[in-house]
Amino acid sequence: MNDPAARPTHAAVRAWIVGLLAEILDVAPDRIDPDTPLDLLGVDSATTLVICAGARDELGLPLRPKEVFEHFTADALARHLTAPLPAEAGSR
């Protein structure tokens, strides 16, 4: 997914993460605050792997478990996943 125009927006990625967490945790999406630390929501290492696989398979965005732990809210993770790639930042 090298075309910046084809990359999902921050809002779309955040909504996807919240929706995925809601499904995994069996709660309504509106019960998940995107600014709550993921560990407080019950995210563990297994859930982290599901998030990484989903980001790759459904969003076309590579994500390593380490990155989930470094950006440990749904909002922070969405910002990380939608940040300009180094090549994009240099072309502006």
N, C-alpha and C. Protein backbone atom coordinates (compact mmCIF):
# COMPACT_ATOMS: atom_id res chain seq x y z
N MET A 1 0.85 -1.18 0.00
CA MET A 1 0.00 0.00 0.00
C MET A 1 0.90 1.23 0.00
N ASN A 2 1.55 1.49 -1.10
CA ASN A 2 2.47 2.61 -1.20
C ASN A 2 1.79 3.90 -1.65
N ASP A 3 0.58 3.82 -2.15
CA ASP A 3 -0.16 4.98 -2.61
C ASP A 3 -0.80 5.67 -1.41
N PRO A 4 -0.31 6.90 -1.04
CA PRO A 4 -0.87 7.56 0.12
C PRO A 4 -2.38 7.79 0.02
N ALA A 5 -2.89 7.97 -1.19
CA ALA A 5 -4.31 8.21 -1.36
C ALA A 5 -5.13 6.97 -1.00
N ALA A 6 -4.50 5.78 -1.10
CA ALA A 6 -5.20 4.54 -0.81
C ALA A 6 -5.13 4.16 0.67
N ARG A 7 -4.32 4.85 1.43
CA ARG A 7 -4.17 4.54 2.85
C ARG A 7 -5.41 5.01 3.62
N PRO A 8 -5.84 4.21 4.59
CA PRO A 8 -7.02 4.62 5.37
C PRO A 8 -6.71 5.82 6.26
N THR A 9 -7.75 6.55 6.61
CA THR A 9 -7.61 7.73 7.45
C THR A 9 -7.48 7.33 8.92
N HIS A 10 -7.03 8.29 9.72
CA HIS A 10 -6.93 8.07 11.16
C HIS A 10 -8.28 7.66 11.74
N ALA A 11 -9.34 8.37 11.37
CA ALA A 11 -10.67 8.07 11.89
C ALA A 11 -11.11 6.66 11.51
N ALA A 12 -10.84 6.26 10.27
CA ALA A 12 -11.23 4.92 9.82
C ALA A 12 -10.46 3.84 10.57
N VAL A 13 -9.17 4.06 10.77
CA VAL A 13 -8.35 3.07 11.48
C VAL A 13 -8.77 3.00 12.95
N ARG A 14 -9.00 4.16 13.56
CA ARG A 14 -9.44 4.16 14.95
C ARG A 14 -10.77 3.43 15.10
N ALA A 15 -11.70 3.68 14.19
CA ALA A 15 -13.00 3.00 14.23
C ALA A 15 -12.82 1.49 14.04
N TRP A 16 -11.91 1.10 13.16
CA TRP A 16 -11.65 -0.32 12.94
C TRP A 16 -11.09 -0.96 14.21
N ILE A 17 -10.12 -0.30 14.85
CA ILE A 17 -9.53 -0.84 16.08
C ILE A 17 -10.59 -0.96 17.16
N VAL A 18 -11.39 0.08 17.35
CA VAL A 18 -12.45 0.05 18.36
C VAL A 18 -13.44 -1.07 18.05
N GLY A 19 -13.82 -1.21 16.79
CA GLY A 19 -14.75 -2.27 16.40
C GLY A 19 -14.18 -3.65 16.65
N LEU A 20 -12.92 -3.83 16.33
CA LEU A 20 -12.27 -5.12 16.55
C LEU A 20 -12.20 -5.43 18.04
N LEU A 21 -11.81 -4.45 18.84
CA LEU A 21 -11.75 -4.65 20.28
C LEU A 21 -13.14 -4.96 20.85
N ALA A 22 -14.15 -4.27 20.36
CA ALA A 22 -15.52 -4.51 20.83
C ALA A 22 -15.94 -5.95 20.53
N GLU A 23 -15.59 -6.41 19.34
CA GLU A 23 -15.93 -7.78 18.96
C GLU A 23 -15.18 -8.78 19.85
N ILE A 24 -13.90 -8.58 20.03
CA ILE A 24 -13.09 -9.50 20.83
C ILE A 24 -13.54 -9.50 22.29
N LEU A 25 -13.83 -8.31 22.82
CA LEU A 25 -14.17 -8.18 24.24
C LEU A 25 -15.67 -8.35 24.50
N ASP A 26 -16.44 -8.53 23.42
CA ASP A 26 -17.89 -8.75 23.50
C ASP A 26 -18.61 -7.60 24.23
N VAL A 27 -18.30 -6.38 23.77
CA VAL A 27 -18.97 -5.18 24.27
C VAL A 27 -19.37 -4.33 23.08
N ALA A 28 -20.25 -3.38 23.30
CA ALA A 28 -20.64 -2.45 22.23
C ALA A 28 -19.47 -1.50 21.94
N PRO A 29 -19.26 -1.16 20.68
CA PRO A 29 -18.16 -0.25 20.34
C PRO A 29 -18.19 1.07 21.10
N ASP A 30 -19.40 1.57 21.41
CA ASP A 30 -19.47 2.85 22.12
C ASP A 30 -19.05 2.72 23.58
N ARG A 31 -18.80 1.51 24.05
CA ARG A 31 -18.31 1.30 25.42
C ARG A 31 -16.78 1.37 25.49
N ILE A 32 -16.13 1.50 24.32
CA ILE A 32 -14.68 1.54 24.28
C ILE A 32 -14.22 2.97 24.01
N ASP A 33 -13.52 3.53 24.98
CA ASP A 33 -12.94 4.87 24.85
C ASP A 33 -11.60 4.73 24.13
N PRO A 34 -11.43 5.37 22.95
CA PRO A 34 -10.19 5.25 22.20
C PRO A 34 -8.95 5.77 22.94
N ASP A 35 -9.16 6.50 24.04
CA ASP A 35 -8.03 7.02 24.81
C ASP A 35 -7.71 6.19 26.05
N THR A 36 -8.44 5.11 26.26
CA THR A 36 -8.16 4.22 27.39
C THR A 36 -7.01 3.29 27.03
N PRO A 37 -6.04 3.15 27.91
CA PRO A 37 -4.95 2.21 27.63
C PRO A 37 -5.50 0.81 27.34
N LEU A 38 -4.95 0.19 26.33
CA LEU A 38 -5.47 -1.09 25.88
C LEU A 38 -5.41 -2.16 26.96
N ASP A 39 -4.39 -2.12 27.81
CA ASP A 39 -4.31 -3.14 28.87
C ASP A 39 -5.48 -3.01 29.85
N LEU A 40 -5.95 -1.79 30.06
CA LEU A 40 -7.11 -1.60 30.94
C LEU A 40 -8.40 -2.12 30.31
N LEU A 41 -8.38 -2.26 28.98
CA LEU A 41 -9.53 -2.82 28.27
C LEU A 41 -9.48 -4.35 28.22
N GLY A 42 -8.37 -4.92 28.66
CA GLY A 42 -8.23 -6.38 28.64
C GLY A 42 -7.39 -6.90 27.50
N VAL A 43 -6.72 -6.02 26.77
CA VAL A 43 -5.86 -6.47 25.68
C VAL A 43 -4.62 -7.14 26.27
N ASP A 44 -4.35 -8.35 25.77
CA ASP A 44 -3.17 -9.09 26.20
C ASP A 44 -2.34 -9.44 24.97
N SER A 45 -1.35 -10.30 25.15
CA SER A 45 -0.46 -10.61 24.03
C SER A 45 -1.21 -11.32 22.91
N ALA A 46 -2.17 -12.18 23.23
CA ALA A 46 -2.94 -12.86 22.19
C ALA A 46 -3.79 -11.86 21.40
N THR A 47 -4.42 -10.93 22.10
CA THR A 47 -5.22 -9.90 21.43
C THR A 47 -4.34 -9.02 20.56
N THR A 48 -3.14 -8.74 21.03
CA THR A 48 -2.19 -7.94 20.26
C THR A 48 -1.89 -8.62 18.93
N LEU A 49 -1.72 -9.93 18.93
CA LEU A 49 -1.45 -10.65 17.68
C LEU A 49 -2.64 -10.58 16.74
N VAL A 50 -3.85 -10.62 17.29
CA VAL A 50 -5.06 -10.50 16.47
C VAL A 50 -5.11 -9.10 15.84
N ILE A 51 -4.78 -8.08 16.62
CA ILE A 51 -4.76 -6.70 16.09
C ILE A 51 -3.74 -6.60 14.96
N CYS A 52 -2.56 -7.15 15.16
CA CYS A 52 -1.52 -7.09 14.12
C CYS A 52 -1.95 -7.81 12.84
N ALA A 53 -2.52 -9.00 12.98
CA ALA A 53 -2.97 -9.75 11.81
C ALA A 53 -4.11 -9.01 11.10
N GLY A 54 -5.02 -8.43 11.85
CA GLY A 54 -6.11 -7.69 11.25
C GLY A 54 -5.65 -6.44 10.52
N ALA A 55 -4.71 -5.72 11.12
CA ALA A 55 -4.17 -4.52 10.48
C ALA A 55 -3.55 -4.88 9.13
N ARG A 56 -2.85 -6.00 9.11
CA ARG A 56 -2.22 -6.46 7.86
C ARG A 56 -3.27 -6.93 6.86
N ASP A 57 -4.16 -7.81 7.31
CA ASP A 57 -5.10 -8.45 6.39
C ASP A 57 -6.25 -7.56 5.97
N GLU A 58 -6.78 -6.76 6.89
CA GLU A 58 -7.96 -5.97 6.58
C GLU A 58 -7.66 -4.54 6.16
N LEU A 59 -6.57 -3.99 6.69
CA LEU A 59 -6.22 -2.60 6.36
C LEU A 59 -5.03 -2.49 5.42
N GLY A 60 -4.30 -3.57 5.27
CA GLY A 60 -3.10 -3.54 4.43
C GLY A 60 -1.97 -2.77 5.07
N LEU A 61 -1.99 -2.68 6.40
CA LEU A 61 -0.97 -1.92 7.12
C LEU A 61 -0.12 -2.86 7.97
N PRO A 62 1.19 -2.85 7.78
CA PRO A 62 2.03 -3.70 8.61
C PRO A 62 2.08 -3.20 10.05
N LEU A 63 2.03 -4.12 10.98
CA LEU A 63 2.05 -3.76 12.40
C LEU A 63 2.69 -4.88 13.19
N ARG A 64 3.66 -4.52 14.00
CA ARG A 64 4.34 -5.49 14.86
C ARG A 64 3.81 -5.36 16.28
N PRO A 65 3.81 -6.46 17.04
CA PRO A 65 3.33 -6.39 18.42
C PRO A 65 4.03 -5.30 19.24
N LYS A 66 5.31 -5.12 19.01
CA LYS A 66 6.06 -4.08 19.74
C LYS A 66 5.42 -2.71 19.53
N GLU A 67 4.95 -2.45 18.31
CA GLU A 67 4.34 -1.16 18.01
C GLU A 67 3.01 -0.97 18.75
N VAL A 68 2.28 -2.06 18.95
CA VAL A 68 1.04 -1.97 19.71
C VAL A 68 1.36 -1.53 21.14
N PHE A 69 2.40 -2.13 21.72
CA PHE A 69 2.77 -1.79 23.10
C PHE A 69 3.36 -0.38 23.21
N GLU A 70 3.94 0.13 22.14
CA GLU A 70 4.50 1.49 22.14
C GLU A 70 3.43 2.55 21.95
N HIS A 71 2.31 2.20 21.33
CA HIS A 71 1.21 3.13 21.04
C HIS A 71 -0.05 2.50 21.64
N PHE A 72 -0.16 2.55 22.96
CA PHE A 72 -1.06 1.66 23.66
C PHE A 72 -2.43 2.22 24.00
N THR A 73 -3.01 2.99 23.07
CA THR A 73 -4.44 3.29 23.10
C THR A 73 -4.91 3.12 21.66
N ALA A 74 -6.20 2.96 21.46
CA ALA A 74 -6.72 2.82 20.10
C ALA A 74 -6.40 4.08 19.28
N ASP A 75 -6.52 5.25 19.92
CA ASP A 75 -6.24 6.50 19.20
C ASP A 75 -4.76 6.61 18.85
N ALA A 76 -3.88 6.33 19.80
CA ALA A 76 -2.44 6.43 19.53
C ALA A 76 -2.01 5.42 18.47
N LEU A 77 -2.57 4.23 18.52
CA LEU A 77 -2.22 3.22 17.54
C LEU A 77 -2.72 3.63 16.15
N ALA A 78 -3.91 4.20 16.08
CA ALA A 78 -4.42 4.68 14.79
C ALA A 78 -3.56 5.81 14.24
N ARG A 79 -3.11 6.71 15.10
CA ARG A 79 -2.22 7.79 14.65
C ARG A 79 -0.91 7.22 14.11
N HIS A 80 -0.39 6.23 14.80
CA HIS A 80 0.86 5.59 14.35
C HIS A 80 0.66 4.94 12.98
N LEU A 81 -0.42 4.21 12.83
CA LEU A 81 -0.66 3.50 11.57
C LEU A 81 -0.95 4.42 10.40
N THR A 82 -1.42 5.62 10.67
CA THR A 82 -1.75 6.54 9.57
C THR A 82 -0.74 7.68 9.44
N ALA A 83 0.32 7.64 10.21
CA ALA A 83 1.37 8.66 10.09
C ALA A 83 2.00 8.56 8.71
N PRO A 84 2.44 9.70 8.17
CA PRO A 84 3.12 9.65 6.88
C PRO A 84 4.34 8.74 6.93
N LEU A 85 4.50 7.96 5.88
CA LEU A 85 5.69 7.12 5.77
C LEU A 85 6.89 8.01 5.50
N PRO A 86 8.10 7.58 5.86
CA PRO A 86 9.28 8.42 5.66
C PRO A 86 9.40 8.94 4.22
N ALA A 87 9.11 8.12 3.24
CA ALA A 87 9.20 8.57 1.84
C ALA A 87 8.16 9.64 1.55
N GLU A 88 6.98 9.54 2.16
CA GLU A 88 5.93 10.54 1.96
C GLU A 88 6.32 11.86 2.58
N ALA A 89 6.87 11.81 3.78
CA ALA A 89 7.25 13.04 4.48
C ALA A 89 8.34 13.79 3.72
N GLY A 90 9.24 13.06 3.10
CA GLY A 90 10.33 13.70 2.37
C GLY A 90 9.92 14.26 1.04
N SER A 91 8.79 13.81 0.50
CA SER A 91 8.36 14.29 -0.81
C SER A 91 7.52 15.53 -0.75
N ARG A 92 7.25 16.04 0.45
CA ARG A 92 6.40 17.24 0.57
C ARG A 92 7.21 18.49 0.50
